[in-house]
Each structure stands twice: as C-alpha cells, then as structure tokens.
Amino acid sequence: GKYGTRYGASLRKMVKKMEITQHSKYTCTFCGKEAMKRSVVGVWSC
C-alpha cells in the first residue's frame, strides 16, 4: 500500500475503510442517479 510498514496495521485498516467510503459514489437524493461524488470535506456534487 501507500503507507508501507509505517503507522501500524489497525490505523492503516481504519484509514483504508475511510478512504473507500469517501471516494465511492453515492445515490443522489434529488435525481436518484448514482452520481454523488465528494468534492471536498462536507461538499457533495451530483
């Protein structure tokens, strides 16, 4: 991975889980398409 042997296994697993959720696409509440994407912290765009 991108962290190698640094930072410990449990922290790397936690960060991986967070990055998967924040980079995945979500269903838009307005149009229903699976096009919601996180642009910056707290801002989602369809």
Protein backbone atom coordinates (compact mmCIF):
# COMPACT_ATOMS: atom_id res chain seq x y z
CA GLY A 1 0.00 0.00 0.00
CA LYS A 2 0.95 3.62 0.03
CA TYR A 3 1.99 3.60 3.71
CA GLY A 4 4.29 0.56 3.63
CA THR A 5 5.21 -0.64 7.13
CA ARG A 6 4.53 2.69 8.81
CA TYR A 7 1.77 3.71 11.27
CA GLY A 8 0.60 0.24 12.39
CA ALA A 9 -1.85 -2.24 10.90
CA SER A 10 -5.00 -1.14 12.73
CA LEU A 11 -4.58 2.52 11.75
CA ARG A 12 -3.92 1.58 8.12
CA LYS A 13 -7.08 -0.55 8.05
CA MET A 14 -9.11 2.30 9.55
CA VAL A 15 -7.77 4.80 7.01
CA LYS A 16 -8.45 2.38 4.15
CA LYS A 17 -12.07 1.99 5.25
CA MET A 18 -12.49 5.78 5.45
CA GLU A 19 -10.93 6.35 2.03
CA ILE A 20 -13.15 3.71 0.41
CA THR A 21 -16.29 5.39 1.77
CA GLN A 22 -15.24 8.91 0.84
CA HIS A 23 -14.14 8.06 -2.71
CA SER A 24 -17.09 5.84 -3.62
CA LYS A 25 -20.14 7.08 -5.50
CA TYR A 26 -23.47 7.53 -3.74
CA THR A 27 -27.09 7.76 -4.87
CA CYS A 28 -28.28 11.34 -5.38
CA THR A 29 -31.25 12.26 -3.20
CA PHE A 30 -32.67 14.66 -5.82
CA CYS A 31 -32.40 12.84 -9.16
CA GLY A 32 -31.88 9.25 -7.98
CA LYS A 33 -28.78 8.64 -10.10
CA GLU A 34 -25.68 7.06 -8.61
CA ALA A 35 -23.64 10.16 -9.36
CA MET A 36 -22.99 11.80 -6.00
CA LYS A 37 -19.28 12.35 -5.51
CA ARG A 38 -17.40 14.06 -2.68
CA SER A 39 -15.56 17.13 -3.98
CA VAL A 40 -14.21 18.48 -0.65
CA VAL A 41 -14.95 17.90 3.04
CA GLY A 42 -18.72 18.10 3.55
CA VAL A 43 -19.47 19.10 -0.08
CA TRP A 44 -21.06 16.56 -2.40
CA SER A 45 -21.82 17.17 -6.08
CA CYS A 46 -24.11 15.31 -8.45
